[in-house]
Amino acid sequence: MRKYVIMGVQGSGKGTQARLLAQDLDLVHMSVGDIFRWNVQHHTKLGAQVRRTMAAGLLVSDDLVEGVVRDRLTQHDWNYGFIIDGFPRNERQAEFFLESYDIDGVIHLDLPDREVRRRVLARRLCSGCGMDYNLLASSPREAGRCDVCGSALVTREDDTEEALAVRLREYHEKTNPVLAIFARKEYVVTVDATPGPERVQEEIRTRLSLPPHDPARPS
């Protein structure tokens, strides 16, 4: 059983890298962001709270994140292990995580703030089915329209220069102490997230002594 944490600022490719690892290693990918987005799209009470917070350019509260993660981990559907992104968010959560689970590695995707801005401000979201796009890497076949359902693509409410500046500041303030805790346990591998996804994935696997990615394996 393998258990990994993947950390990185918005736009660093955490979701993509986590999915590639999960696909090959039969891991369950637990994404706090995906859980929140599902709730926003389905207009739940949690979703409304998350939407207000993100529209203000703030990070969702640590207590709310911790509750979501605890609930997800209790489902015990991760027979071969998991890879989690979006958690832990602070030093207390990191200590709790280390006490509760035998972590095999922490993947830190390092991306300069200027590249974060370039990537994040190019993101688009389908107003119908919620499909994610990035105009730099995954543009739709028809400009402004979703390939899946044909609905209009929109900019996320929280993808503005002002909101991004707040999130970057909060991310660095909270993440550096968490990385320091994991680093003391010699769990952290820092990978440059600037290259393309396949190169980043190759570097992650080399650093963690994992088998090469098999692109032919079905997801």
N, C-alpha and C. Protein backbone atom coordinates (compact mmCIF):
# COMPACT_ATOMS: atom_id res chain seq x y z
N MET A 1 0.85 -1.20 0.00
CA MET A 1 0.00 0.00 0.00
C MET A 1 0.88 1.24 0.00
N ARG A 2 0.54 2.18 -0.88
CA ARG A 2 1.31 3.43 -0.97
C ARG A 2 0.40 4.60 -0.60
N LYS A 3 0.97 5.55 0.13
CA LYS A 3 0.22 6.74 0.52
C LYS A 3 1.08 7.98 0.27
N TYR A 4 0.59 8.84 -0.60
CA TYR A 4 1.35 10.03 -0.99
C TYR A 4 0.53 11.29 -0.77
N VAL A 5 1.25 12.37 -0.52
CA VAL A 5 0.68 13.72 -0.49
C VAL A 5 1.31 14.48 -1.65
N ILE A 6 0.51 15.22 -2.39
CA ILE A 6 1.06 16.06 -3.45
C ILE A 6 0.70 17.51 -3.14
N MET A 7 1.71 18.37 -3.17
CA MET A 7 1.53 19.77 -2.80
C MET A 7 2.03 20.67 -3.91
N GLY A 8 1.39 21.80 -4.06
CA GLY A 8 1.80 22.76 -5.07
C GLY A 8 0.77 23.86 -5.18
N VAL A 9 1.21 25.01 -5.63
CA VAL A 9 0.32 26.15 -5.78
C VAL A 9 -0.67 25.89 -6.91
N GLN A 10 -1.75 26.67 -6.95
CA GLN A 10 -2.71 26.57 -8.05
C GLN A 10 -1.99 26.67 -9.38
N GLY A 11 -2.38 25.82 -10.34
CA GLY A 11 -1.77 25.86 -11.66
C GLY A 11 -0.52 25.03 -11.80
N SER A 12 -0.06 24.40 -10.71
CA SER A 12 1.17 23.62 -10.77
C SER A 12 0.96 22.23 -11.35
N GLY A 13 -0.29 21.82 -11.53
CA GLY A 13 -0.57 20.53 -12.14
C GLY A 13 -0.77 19.40 -11.15
N LYS A 14 -1.14 19.72 -9.91
CA LYS A 14 -1.32 18.67 -8.90
C LYS A 14 -2.32 17.61 -9.36
N GLY A 15 -3.47 18.06 -9.87
CA GLY A 15 -4.49 17.13 -10.28
C GLY A 15 -4.04 16.20 -11.39
N THR A 16 -3.38 16.78 -12.39
CA THR A 16 -2.89 15.97 -13.52
C THR A 16 -1.87 14.94 -13.05
N GLN A 17 -0.91 15.36 -12.26
CA GLN A 17 0.13 14.44 -11.80
C GLN A 17 -0.44 13.37 -10.87
N ALA A 18 -1.37 13.76 -10.01
CA ALA A 18 -1.99 12.80 -9.10
C ALA A 18 -2.78 11.74 -9.88
N ARG A 19 -3.50 12.18 -10.92
CA ARG A 19 -4.29 11.23 -11.71
C ARG A 19 -3.39 10.24 -12.45
N LEU A 20 -2.26 10.71 -12.96
CA LEU A 20 -1.34 9.82 -13.66
C LEU A 20 -0.78 8.76 -12.72
N LEU A 21 -0.42 9.17 -11.51
CA LEU A 21 0.08 8.23 -10.52
C LEU A 21 -1.01 7.24 -10.10
N ALA A 22 -2.19 7.77 -9.84
CA ALA A 22 -3.29 6.92 -9.39
C ALA A 22 -3.66 5.88 -10.44
N GLN A 23 -3.63 6.29 -11.70
CA GLN A 23 -4.00 5.40 -12.80
C GLN A 23 -3.08 4.19 -12.86
N ASP A 24 -1.80 4.38 -12.75
CA ASP A 24 -0.82 3.30 -12.89
C ASP A 24 -0.69 2.45 -11.63
N LEU A 25 -0.84 3.08 -10.47
CA LEU A 25 -0.55 2.39 -9.22
C LEU A 25 -1.79 1.94 -8.46
N ASP A 26 -2.96 2.08 -9.10
CA ASP A 26 -4.23 1.69 -8.47
C ASP A 26 -4.47 2.43 -7.16
N LEU A 27 -4.09 3.70 -7.14
CA LEU A 27 -4.32 4.53 -5.97
C LEU A 27 -5.64 5.28 -6.12
N VAL A 28 -6.22 5.67 -5.01
CA VAL A 28 -7.40 6.53 -5.02
C VAL A 28 -6.91 7.98 -4.93
N HIS A 29 -7.32 8.79 -5.91
CA HIS A 29 -6.95 10.21 -5.90
C HIS A 29 -8.00 10.98 -5.10
N MET A 30 -7.57 11.57 -4.01
CA MET A 30 -8.47 12.37 -3.17
C MET A 30 -8.11 13.83 -3.35
N SER A 31 -8.96 14.56 -4.04
CA SER A 31 -8.72 15.97 -4.31
C SER A 31 -9.71 16.83 -3.55
N VAL A 32 -9.19 17.62 -2.61
CA VAL A 32 -10.06 18.52 -1.85
C VAL A 32 -10.74 19.50 -2.80
N GLY A 33 -10.00 20.00 -3.79
CA GLY A 33 -10.57 20.94 -4.75
C GLY A 33 -11.72 20.33 -5.53
N ASP A 34 -11.56 19.07 -5.97
CA ASP A 34 -12.63 18.41 -6.72
C ASP A 34 -13.88 18.23 -5.86
N ILE A 35 -13.67 17.89 -4.59
CA ILE A 35 -14.80 17.73 -3.68
C ILE A 35 -15.57 19.04 -3.54
N PHE A 36 -14.82 20.13 -3.37
CA PHE A 36 -15.46 21.43 -3.23
C PHE A 36 -16.17 21.84 -4.52
N ARG A 37 -15.50 21.61 -5.68
CA ARG A 37 -16.13 21.99 -6.95
C ARG A 37 -17.42 21.21 -7.19
N TRP A 38 -17.44 19.93 -6.82
CA TRP A 38 -18.67 19.14 -6.98
C TRP A 38 -19.78 19.76 -6.16
N ASN A 39 -19.48 20.18 -4.95
CA ASN A 39 -20.49 20.78 -4.10
C ASN A 39 -20.97 22.12 -4.64
N VAL A 40 -20.05 22.90 -5.21
CA VAL A 40 -20.44 24.18 -5.82
C VAL A 40 -21.37 23.94 -6.99
N GLN A 41 -21.01 23.00 -7.87
CA GLN A 41 -21.81 22.72 -9.07
C GLN A 41 -23.18 22.14 -8.74
N HIS A 42 -23.28 21.44 -7.60
CA HIS A 42 -24.55 20.83 -7.22
C HIS A 42 -25.31 21.66 -6.17
N HIS A 43 -24.82 22.90 -5.96
CA HIS A 43 -25.54 23.88 -5.14
C HIS A 43 -25.87 23.36 -3.74
N THR A 44 -24.92 22.68 -3.13
CA THR A 44 -25.11 22.23 -1.76
C THR A 44 -24.82 23.38 -0.79
N LYS A 45 -25.16 23.14 0.47
CA LYS A 45 -24.87 24.15 1.50
C LYS A 45 -23.36 24.38 1.60
N LEU A 46 -22.58 23.30 1.56
CA LEU A 46 -21.12 23.43 1.57
C LEU A 46 -20.65 24.19 0.35
N GLY A 47 -21.26 23.90 -0.81
CA GLY A 47 -20.87 24.57 -2.04
C GLY A 47 -21.08 26.06 -2.00
N ALA A 48 -22.19 26.49 -1.39
CA ALA A 48 -22.47 27.93 -1.29
C ALA A 48 -21.42 28.62 -0.43
N GLN A 49 -21.02 27.97 0.64
CA GLN A 49 -20.00 28.53 1.53
C GLN A 49 -18.66 28.63 0.80
N VAL A 50 -18.32 27.58 0.07
CA VAL A 50 -17.06 27.57 -0.67
C VAL A 50 -17.06 28.64 -1.75
N ARG A 51 -18.17 28.78 -2.45
CA ARG A 51 -18.27 29.76 -3.54
C ARG A 51 -18.05 31.18 -3.04
N ARG A 52 -18.67 31.52 -1.90
CA ARG A 52 -18.50 32.87 -1.34
C ARG A 52 -17.04 33.12 -0.96
N THR A 53 -16.43 32.12 -0.38
CA THR A 53 -15.04 32.26 0.06
C THR A 53 -14.09 32.45 -1.12
N MET A 54 -14.26 31.61 -2.14
CA MET A 54 -13.36 31.66 -3.30
C MET A 54 -13.57 32.93 -4.11
N ALA A 55 -14.80 33.40 -4.21
CA ALA A 55 -15.08 34.63 -4.94
C ALA A 55 -14.39 35.83 -4.30
N ALA A 56 -14.17 35.75 -2.99
CA ALA A 56 -13.48 36.81 -2.27
C ALA A 56 -11.96 36.68 -2.38
N GLY A 57 -11.50 35.61 -3.08
CA GLY A 57 -10.06 35.41 -3.25
C GLY A 57 -9.39 34.79 -2.05
N LEU A 58 -10.18 34.21 -1.15
CA LEU A 58 -9.63 33.62 0.07
C LEU A 58 -9.56 32.10 -0.05
N LEU A 59 -8.76 31.48 0.81
CA LEU A 59 -8.72 30.03 0.89
C LEU A 59 -9.81 29.54 1.82
N VAL A 60 -10.39 28.40 1.49
CA VAL A 60 -11.40 27.80 2.36
C VAL A 60 -10.76 27.52 3.72
N SER A 61 -11.52 27.68 4.80
CA SER A 61 -10.97 27.56 6.14
C SER A 61 -10.34 26.19 6.38
N ASP A 62 -9.30 26.17 7.20
CA ASP A 62 -8.61 24.92 7.51
C ASP A 62 -9.53 23.91 8.17
N ASP A 63 -10.41 24.36 9.05
CA ASP A 63 -11.32 23.45 9.74
C ASP A 63 -12.26 22.76 8.76
N LEU A 64 -12.74 23.52 7.76
CA LEU A 64 -13.64 22.94 6.77
C LEU A 64 -12.91 21.91 5.92
N VAL A 65 -11.70 22.23 5.52
CA VAL A 65 -10.89 21.29 4.74
C VAL A 65 -10.63 20.02 5.54
N GLU A 66 -10.27 20.19 6.81
CA GLU A 66 -9.96 19.03 7.66
C GLU A 66 -11.18 18.12 7.80
N GLY A 67 -12.34 18.71 7.96
CA GLY A 67 -13.55 17.90 8.08
C GLY A 67 -13.84 17.11 6.82
N VAL A 68 -13.67 17.74 5.66
CA VAL A 68 -13.90 17.06 4.38
C VAL A 68 -12.93 15.89 4.21
N VAL A 69 -11.66 16.12 4.54
CA VAL A 69 -10.65 15.07 4.39
C VAL A 69 -10.91 13.90 5.34
N ARG A 70 -11.25 14.21 6.58
CA ARG A 70 -11.54 13.14 7.55
C ARG A 70 -12.69 12.26 7.05
N ASP A 71 -13.74 12.91 6.54
CA ASP A 71 -14.89 12.16 6.02
C ASP A 71 -14.47 11.29 4.84
N ARG A 72 -13.65 11.84 3.97
CA ARG A 72 -13.23 11.08 2.78
C ARG A 72 -12.38 9.87 3.15
N LEU A 73 -11.47 10.04 4.09
CA LEU A 73 -10.58 8.94 4.47
C LEU A 73 -11.33 7.82 5.18
N THR A 74 -12.44 8.13 5.83
CA THR A 74 -13.19 7.10 6.54
C THR A 74 -13.95 6.18 5.59
N GLN A 75 -13.99 6.50 4.30
CA GLN A 75 -14.69 5.65 3.35
C GLN A 75 -13.93 4.35 3.08
N HIS A 76 -12.62 4.35 3.32
CA HIS A 76 -11.80 3.13 3.23
C HIS A 76 -11.97 2.39 1.91
N ASP A 77 -12.00 3.13 0.82
CA ASP A 77 -12.05 2.50 -0.51
C ASP A 77 -10.67 2.48 -1.16
N TRP A 78 -9.65 2.78 -0.38
CA TRP A 78 -8.29 2.90 -0.91
C TRP A 78 -7.46 1.66 -0.53
N ASN A 79 -7.84 0.52 -1.11
CA ASN A 79 -7.19 -0.75 -0.78
C ASN A 79 -5.70 -0.76 -1.09
N TYR A 80 -5.31 -0.09 -2.16
CA TYR A 80 -3.90 -0.09 -2.57
C TYR A 80 -3.19 1.21 -2.18
N GLY A 81 -3.94 2.12 -1.56
CA GLY A 81 -3.35 3.38 -1.13
C GLY A 81 -4.04 4.58 -1.74
N PHE A 82 -3.50 5.75 -1.46
CA PHE A 82 -4.10 6.98 -1.98
C PHE A 82 -3.03 8.02 -2.27
N ILE A 83 -3.45 9.00 -3.06
CA ILE A 83 -2.65 10.22 -3.24
C ILE A 83 -3.61 11.38 -3.01
N ILE A 84 -3.26 12.26 -2.10
CA ILE A 84 -4.17 13.32 -1.68
C ILE A 84 -3.58 14.68 -2.01
N ASP A 85 -4.41 15.55 -2.57
CA ASP A 85 -3.95 16.92 -2.80
C ASP A 85 -4.93 17.92 -2.20
N GLY A 86 -4.36 19.02 -1.73
CA GLY A 86 -5.16 20.03 -1.03
C GLY A 86 -5.14 19.87 0.47
N PHE A 87 -4.34 18.94 0.96
CA PHE A 87 -4.25 18.68 2.40
C PHE A 87 -2.93 17.97 2.67
N PRO A 88 -2.28 18.25 3.80
CA PRO A 88 -2.64 19.16 4.89
C PRO A 88 -2.35 20.62 4.54
N ARG A 89 -3.03 21.52 5.26
CA ARG A 89 -2.96 22.93 4.96
C ARG A 89 -2.20 23.74 6.02
N ASN A 90 -1.95 23.13 7.18
CA ASN A 90 -1.23 23.86 8.21
C ASN A 90 -0.40 22.88 9.03
N GLU A 91 0.36 23.40 9.98
CA GLU A 91 1.27 22.56 10.76
C GLU A 91 0.52 21.54 11.61
N ARG A 92 -0.61 21.95 12.20
CA ARG A 92 -1.39 21.02 13.03
C ARG A 92 -1.88 19.84 12.21
N GLN A 93 -2.39 20.13 11.02
CA GLN A 93 -2.89 19.07 10.15
C GLN A 93 -1.76 18.16 9.69
N ALA A 94 -0.59 18.73 9.43
CA ALA A 94 0.55 17.92 9.00
C ALA A 94 0.97 16.95 10.10
N GLU A 95 1.00 17.43 11.33
CA GLU A 95 1.37 16.57 12.46
C GLU A 95 0.33 15.46 12.64
N PHE A 96 -0.95 15.82 12.52
CA PHE A 96 -2.02 14.83 12.63
C PHE A 96 -1.88 13.77 11.55
N PHE A 97 -1.58 14.20 10.35
CA PHE A 97 -1.47 13.28 9.22
C PHE A 97 -0.31 12.30 9.42
N LEU A 98 0.81 12.81 9.91
CA LEU A 98 1.97 11.95 10.14
C LEU A 98 1.71 10.95 11.27
N GLU A 99 0.95 11.37 12.25
CA GLU A 99 0.64 10.47 13.37
C GLU A 99 -0.36 9.39 12.96
N SER A 100 -1.23 9.70 12.00
CA SER A 100 -2.33 8.80 11.66
C SER A 100 -2.03 7.87 10.48
N TYR A 101 -1.11 8.27 9.60
CA TYR A 101 -0.87 7.51 8.38
C TYR A 101 0.64 7.38 8.12
N ASP A 102 1.03 6.24 7.59
CA ASP A 102 2.43 6.02 7.22
C ASP A 102 2.64 6.56 5.82
N ILE A 103 3.06 7.81 5.72
CA ILE A 103 3.23 8.45 4.44
C ILE A 103 4.49 7.92 3.75
N ASP A 104 4.36 7.60 2.46
CA ASP A 104 5.50 7.11 1.69
C ASP A 104 6.27 8.23 1.00
N GLY A 105 5.63 9.36 0.80
CA GLY A 105 6.33 10.46 0.16
C GLY A 105 5.45 11.68 -0.01
N VAL A 106 6.08 12.84 -0.01
CA VAL A 106 5.40 14.11 -0.26
C VAL A 106 6.00 14.71 -1.54
N ILE A 107 5.16 14.89 -2.54
CA ILE A 107 5.60 15.44 -3.82
C ILE A 107 5.30 16.93 -3.82
N HIS A 108 6.35 17.73 -3.90
CA HIS A 108 6.18 19.19 -3.92
C HIS A 108 6.44 19.69 -5.33
N LEU A 109 5.41 20.18 -5.99
CA LEU A 109 5.53 20.73 -7.34
C LEU A 109 5.86 22.22 -7.23
N ASP A 110 7.05 22.57 -7.65
CA ASP A 110 7.56 23.93 -7.49
C ASP A 110 7.32 24.72 -8.78
N LEU A 111 6.62 25.84 -8.67
CA LEU A 111 6.29 26.67 -9.83
C LEU A 111 6.40 28.14 -9.46
N PRO A 112 7.17 28.93 -10.24
CA PRO A 112 7.30 30.36 -9.94
C PRO A 112 5.95 31.07 -10.02
N ASP A 113 5.79 32.10 -9.20
CA ASP A 113 4.52 32.83 -9.17
C ASP A 113 4.15 33.40 -10.54
N ARG A 114 5.12 33.85 -11.31
CA ARG A 114 4.81 34.42 -12.62
C ARG A 114 4.19 33.38 -13.55
N GLU A 115 4.65 32.13 -13.45
CA GLU A 115 4.09 31.07 -14.27
C GLU A 115 2.71 30.66 -13.75
N VAL A 116 2.54 30.73 -12.43
CA VAL A 116 1.22 30.47 -11.85
C VAL A 116 0.19 31.43 -12.44
N ARG A 117 0.53 32.71 -12.48
CA ARG A 117 -0.40 33.71 -13.01
C ARG A 117 -0.74 33.42 -14.48
N ARG A 118 0.28 33.08 -15.25
CA ARG A 118 0.06 32.80 -16.68
C ARG A 118 -0.91 31.63 -16.86
N ARG A 119 -0.72 30.58 -16.09
CA ARG A 119 -1.55 29.39 -16.24
C ARG A 119 -2.95 29.59 -15.68
N VAL A 120 -3.04 30.15 -14.50
CA VAL A 120 -4.35 30.27 -13.84
C VAL A 120 -5.27 31.21 -14.61
N LEU A 121 -4.74 32.31 -15.11
CA LEU A 121 -5.59 33.28 -15.81
C LEU A 121 -6.02 32.77 -17.18
N ALA A 122 -5.48 31.64 -17.62
CA ALA A 122 -5.90 31.03 -18.89
C ALA A 122 -6.91 29.92 -18.68
N ARG A 123 -7.31 29.69 -17.43
CA ARG A 123 -8.25 28.60 -17.17
C ARG A 123 -9.68 29.01 -17.52
N ARG A 124 -10.44 28.02 -17.99
CA ARG A 124 -11.85 28.23 -18.28
C ARG A 124 -12.65 27.03 -17.77
N LEU A 125 -13.91 27.26 -17.49
CA LEU A 125 -14.78 26.24 -16.93
C LEU A 125 -16.06 26.20 -17.75
N CYS A 126 -16.53 24.97 -18.08
CA CYS A 126 -17.78 24.85 -18.82
C CYS A 126 -18.94 25.22 -17.91
N SER A 127 -19.80 26.10 -18.38
CA SER A 127 -20.94 26.55 -17.57
C SER A 127 -22.01 25.48 -17.47
N GLY A 128 -21.90 24.45 -18.33
CA GLY A 128 -22.90 23.39 -18.32
C GLY A 128 -22.49 22.17 -17.51
N CYS A 129 -21.41 21.50 -17.96
CA CYS A 129 -21.02 20.23 -17.33
C CYS A 129 -19.85 20.34 -16.37
N GLY A 130 -19.22 21.52 -16.31
CA GLY A 130 -18.13 21.72 -15.36
C GLY A 130 -16.77 21.25 -15.85
N MET A 131 -16.65 20.88 -17.12
CA MET A 131 -15.38 20.43 -17.68
C MET A 131 -14.35 21.55 -17.59
N ASP A 132 -13.11 21.18 -17.20
CA ASP A 132 -12.03 22.16 -17.08
C ASP A 132 -11.27 22.30 -18.39
N TYR A 133 -10.87 23.52 -18.73
CA TYR A 133 -10.03 23.79 -19.89
C TYR A 133 -8.93 24.75 -19.49
N ASN A 134 -7.85 24.73 -20.25
CA ASN A 134 -6.80 25.74 -20.10
C ASN A 134 -6.41 26.16 -21.51
N LEU A 135 -6.57 27.43 -21.81
CA LEU A 135 -6.35 27.91 -23.17
C LEU A 135 -4.91 27.77 -23.63
N LEU A 136 -4.00 27.52 -22.68
CA LEU A 136 -2.60 27.32 -23.05
C LEU A 136 -2.30 25.89 -23.45
N ALA A 137 -3.05 24.95 -22.90
CA ALA A 137 -2.70 23.54 -23.11
C ALA A 137 -3.86 22.67 -23.60
N SER A 138 -5.08 23.07 -23.32
CA SER A 138 -6.22 22.22 -23.68
C SER A 138 -7.39 23.06 -24.16
N SER A 139 -7.19 23.78 -25.25
CA SER A 139 -8.24 24.63 -25.80
C SER A 139 -9.35 23.77 -26.41
N PRO A 140 -10.59 24.24 -26.35
CA PRO A 140 -11.69 23.50 -26.98
C PRO A 140 -11.59 23.56 -28.50
N ARG A 141 -12.24 22.63 -29.18
CA ARG A 141 -12.21 22.62 -30.65
C ARG A 141 -12.84 23.89 -31.21
N GLU A 142 -13.95 24.32 -30.60
CA GLU A 142 -14.60 25.56 -30.99
C GLU A 142 -14.37 26.59 -29.89
N ALA A 143 -13.81 27.72 -30.25
CA ALA A 143 -13.46 28.73 -29.25
C ALA A 143 -14.67 29.11 -28.41
N GLY A 144 -14.48 29.04 -27.09
CA GLY A 144 -15.52 29.47 -26.17
C GLY A 144 -16.63 28.48 -25.93
N ARG A 145 -16.53 27.25 -26.53
CA ARG A 145 -17.57 26.25 -26.37
C ARG A 145 -16.99 24.93 -25.89
N CYS A 146 -17.72 24.27 -25.00
CA CYS A 146 -17.27 23.00 -24.44
C CYS A 146 -17.35 21.89 -25.49
N ASP A 147 -16.31 21.07 -25.57
CA ASP A 147 -16.29 19.95 -26.50
C ASP A 147 -17.30 18.88 -26.12
N VAL A 148 -17.63 18.79 -24.84
CA VAL A 148 -18.50 17.72 -24.35
C VAL A 148 -19.98 18.05 -24.53
N CYS A 149 -20.39 19.23 -24.05
CA CYS A 149 -21.82 19.54 -24.08
C CYS A 149 -22.18 20.78 -24.89
N GLY A 150 -21.18 21.52 -25.37
CA GLY A 150 -21.44 22.68 -26.21
C GLY A 150 -21.78 23.95 -25.47
N SER A 151 -21.81 23.89 -24.14
CA SER A 151 -22.13 25.10 -23.36
C SER A 151 -20.98 26.10 -23.41
N ALA A 152 -21.27 27.33 -23.03
CA ALA A 152 -20.26 28.39 -23.05
C ALA A 152 -19.22 28.16 -21.96
N LEU A 153 -17.98 28.51 -22.30
CA LEU A 153 -16.91 28.46 -21.30
C LEU A 153 -16.84 29.81 -20.59
N VAL A 154 -16.60 29.75 -19.29
CA VAL A 154 -16.55 30.97 -18.50
C VAL A 154 -15.27 30.98 -17.66
N THR A 155 -14.90 32.16 -17.22
CA THR A 155 -13.77 32.30 -16.30
C THR A 155 -14.27 32.03 -14.89
N ARG A 156 -13.50 31.27 -14.12
CA ARG A 156 -13.90 31.02 -12.73
C ARG A 156 -13.97 32.34 -11.96
N GLU A 157 -14.90 32.39 -11.03
CA GLU A 157 -15.09 33.62 -10.26
C GLU A 157 -13.83 34.03 -9.51
N ASP A 158 -13.03 33.05 -9.10
CA ASP A 158 -11.86 33.36 -8.29
C ASP A 158 -10.59 33.53 -9.12
N ASP A 159 -10.70 33.44 -10.45
CA ASP A 159 -9.51 33.59 -11.30
C ASP A 159 -9.36 35.02 -11.78
N THR A 160 -9.04 35.90 -10.85
CA THR A 160 -8.74 37.30 -11.16
C THR A 160 -7.36 37.62 -10.59
N GLU A 161 -6.75 38.68 -11.10
CA GLU A 161 -5.43 39.08 -10.61
C GLU A 161 -5.48 39.34 -9.11
N GLU A 162 -6.52 40.04 -8.66
CA GLU A 162 -6.61 40.40 -7.24
C GLU A 162 -6.77 39.17 -6.36
N ALA A 163 -7.69 38.28 -6.74
CA ALA A 163 -7.93 37.09 -5.94
C ALA A 163 -6.71 36.18 -5.95
N LEU A 164 -6.04 36.08 -7.09
CA LEU A 164 -4.87 35.22 -7.20
C LEU A 164 -3.74 35.72 -6.31
N ALA A 165 -3.56 37.04 -6.24
CA ALA A 165 -2.51 37.61 -5.40
C ALA A 165 -2.72 37.23 -3.93
N VAL A 166 -3.98 37.27 -3.49
CA VAL A 166 -4.30 36.90 -2.11
C VAL A 166 -4.00 35.42 -1.89
N ARG A 167 -4.42 34.58 -2.82
CA ARG A 167 -4.22 33.13 -2.67
C ARG A 167 -2.74 32.77 -2.67
N LEU A 168 -1.96 33.43 -3.51
CA LEU A 168 -0.52 33.14 -3.54
C LEU A 168 0.13 33.49 -2.20
N ARG A 169 -0.23 34.64 -1.66
CA ARG A 169 0.34 35.05 -0.39
C ARG A 169 -0.03 34.06 0.72
N GLU A 170 -1.31 33.70 0.77
CA GLU A 170 -1.75 32.76 1.80
C GLU A 170 -1.12 31.39 1.61
N TYR A 171 -0.97 30.97 0.36
CA TYR A 171 -0.38 29.67 0.08
C TYR A 171 1.05 29.59 0.62
N HIS A 172 1.85 30.59 0.28
CA HIS A 172 3.25 30.57 0.72
C HIS A 172 3.36 30.64 2.24
N GLU A 173 2.53 31.47 2.86
CA GLU A 173 2.60 31.61 4.32
C GLU A 173 2.26 30.29 5.02
N LYS A 174 1.31 29.54 4.50
CA LYS A 174 0.86 28.31 5.16
C LYS A 174 1.65 27.08 4.73
N THR A 175 2.06 27.06 3.47
CA THR A 175 2.68 25.84 2.93
C THR A 175 4.12 25.65 3.37
N ASN A 176 4.89 26.70 3.45
CA ASN A 176 6.30 26.56 3.81
C ASN A 176 6.50 25.86 5.16
N PRO A 177 5.74 26.22 6.21
CA PRO A 177 5.89 25.49 7.48
C PRO A 177 5.49 24.01 7.37
N VAL A 178 4.49 23.70 6.56
CA VAL A 178 4.07 22.30 6.37
C VAL A 178 5.17 21.51 5.69
N LEU A 179 5.76 22.09 4.65
CA LEU A 179 6.86 21.42 3.95
C LEU A 179 8.04 21.19 4.90
N ALA A 180 8.27 22.14 5.78
CA ALA A 180 9.38 22.00 6.73
C ALA A 180 9.16 20.81 7.66
N ILE A 181 7.91 20.59 8.09
CA ILE A 181 7.60 19.45 8.95
C ILE A 181 7.85 18.14 8.21
N PHE A 182 7.35 18.05 6.98
CA PHE A 182 7.56 16.84 6.19
C PHE A 182 9.04 16.63 5.88
N ALA A 183 9.75 17.73 5.61
CA ALA A 183 11.17 17.61 5.26
C ALA A 183 11.99 17.05 6.42
N ARG A 184 11.60 17.36 7.65
CA ARG A 184 12.31 16.83 8.81
C ARG A 184 12.22 15.30 8.86
N LYS A 185 11.15 14.76 8.29
CA LYS A 185 10.97 13.31 8.23
C LYS A 185 11.58 12.73 6.95
N GLU A 186 12.19 13.58 6.13
CA GLU A 186 12.82 13.18 4.87
C GLU A 186 11.82 12.57 3.89
N TYR A 187 10.63 13.14 3.87
CA TYR A 187 9.59 12.64 2.98
C TYR A 187 9.51 13.42 1.67
N VAL A 188 10.02 14.63 1.62
CA VAL A 188 9.73 15.55 0.52
C VAL A 188 10.66 15.37 -0.67
N VAL A 189 10.04 15.30 -1.88
CA VAL A 189 10.80 15.42 -3.12
C VAL A 189 10.24 16.64 -3.85
N THR A 190 11.11 17.58 -4.16
CA THR A 190 10.68 18.80 -4.85
C THR A 190 10.98 18.65 -6.34
N VAL A 191 9.95 18.87 -7.16
CA VAL A 191 10.05 18.68 -8.60
C VAL A 191 9.68 19.98 -9.30
N ASP A 192 10.47 20.37 -10.29
CA ASP A 192 10.18 21.55 -11.09
C ASP A 192 8.92 21.28 -11.92
N ALA A 193 7.88 22.08 -11.72
CA ALA A 193 6.61 21.87 -12.40
C ALA A 193 6.49 22.70 -13.68
N THR A 194 7.58 23.35 -14.10
CA THR A 194 7.53 24.19 -15.28
C THR A 194 7.40 23.40 -16.59
N PRO A 195 8.11 22.27 -16.76
CA PRO A 195 7.99 21.53 -18.03
C PRO A 195 6.60 20.94 -18.24
N GLY A 196 6.42 20.23 -19.36
CA GLY A 196 5.14 19.61 -19.67
C GLY A 196 4.81 18.48 -18.70
N PRO A 197 3.54 18.06 -18.65
CA PRO A 197 3.09 17.05 -17.69
C PRO A 197 3.86 15.74 -17.74
N GLU A 198 4.18 15.25 -18.94
CA GLU A 198 4.86 13.96 -19.04
C GLU A 198 6.27 14.03 -18.43
N ARG A 199 6.95 15.13 -18.67
CA ARG A 199 8.30 15.28 -18.12
C ARG A 199 8.25 15.40 -16.60
N VAL A 200 7.26 16.12 -16.10
CA VAL A 200 7.11 16.24 -14.65
C VAL A 200 6.82 14.88 -14.03
N GLN A 201 5.93 14.12 -14.68
CA GLN A 201 5.59 12.79 -14.17
C GLN A 201 6.82 11.88 -14.17
N GLU A 202 7.61 11.95 -15.21
CA GLU A 202 8.83 11.14 -15.29
C GLU A 202 9.78 11.46 -14.14
N GLU A 203 9.91 12.75 -13.84
CA GLU A 203 10.81 13.17 -12.76
C GLU A 203 10.28 12.70 -11.39
N ILE A 204 8.97 12.79 -11.20
CA ILE A 204 8.37 12.32 -9.94
C ILE A 204 8.68 10.85 -9.73
N ARG A 205 8.48 10.06 -10.77
CA ARG A 205 8.68 8.61 -10.65
C ARG A 205 10.15 8.26 -10.44
N THR A 206 11.03 9.01 -11.07
CA THR A 206 12.46 8.78 -10.86
C THR A 206 12.83 9.07 -9.41
N ARG A 207 12.33 10.19 -8.89
CA ARG A 207 12.68 10.59 -7.52
C ARG A 207 12.10 9.64 -6.48
N LEU A 208 10.95 9.03 -6.79
CA LEU A 208 10.30 8.13 -5.83
C LEU A 208 10.59 6.65 -6.12
N SER A 209 11.45 6.41 -7.11
CA SER A 209 11.82 5.03 -7.51
C SER A 209 10.59 4.21 -7.87
N LEU A 210 9.70 4.81 -8.67
CA LEU A 210 8.50 4.15 -9.13
C LEU A 210 8.66 3.71 -10.58
N PRO A 211 7.90 2.71 -11.04
CA PRO A 211 8.00 2.28 -12.44
C PRO A 211 7.57 3.40 -13.38
N PRO A 212 8.08 3.41 -14.62
CA PRO A 212 7.72 4.45 -15.58
C PRO A 212 6.23 4.48 -15.86
N HIS A 213 5.73 5.63 -16.23
CA HIS A 213 4.33 5.78 -16.59
C HIS A 213 4.02 5.02 -17.87
N ASP A 214 2.89 4.33 -17.89
CA ASP A 214 2.45 3.59 -19.08
C ASP A 214 1.29 4.35 -19.71
N PRO A 215 1.54 5.13 -20.78
CA PRO A 215 0.46 5.92 -21.39
C PRO A 215 -0.65 5.06 -21.98
N ALA A 216 -0.34 3.81 -22.29
CA ALA A 216 -1.33 2.93 -22.92
C ALA A 216 -2.30 2.33 -21.92
N ARG A 217 -1.98 2.43 -20.63
CA ARG A 217 -2.86 1.83 -19.64
C ARG A 217 -4.15 2.62 -19.54
N PRO A 218 -5.31 1.94 -19.62
CA PRO A 218 -6.58 2.65 -19.54
C PRO A 218 -6.80 3.26 -18.18
N SER A 219 -7.46 4.43 -18.16
CA SER A 219 -7.73 5.10 -16.89
C SER A 219 -8.97 4.51 -16.24
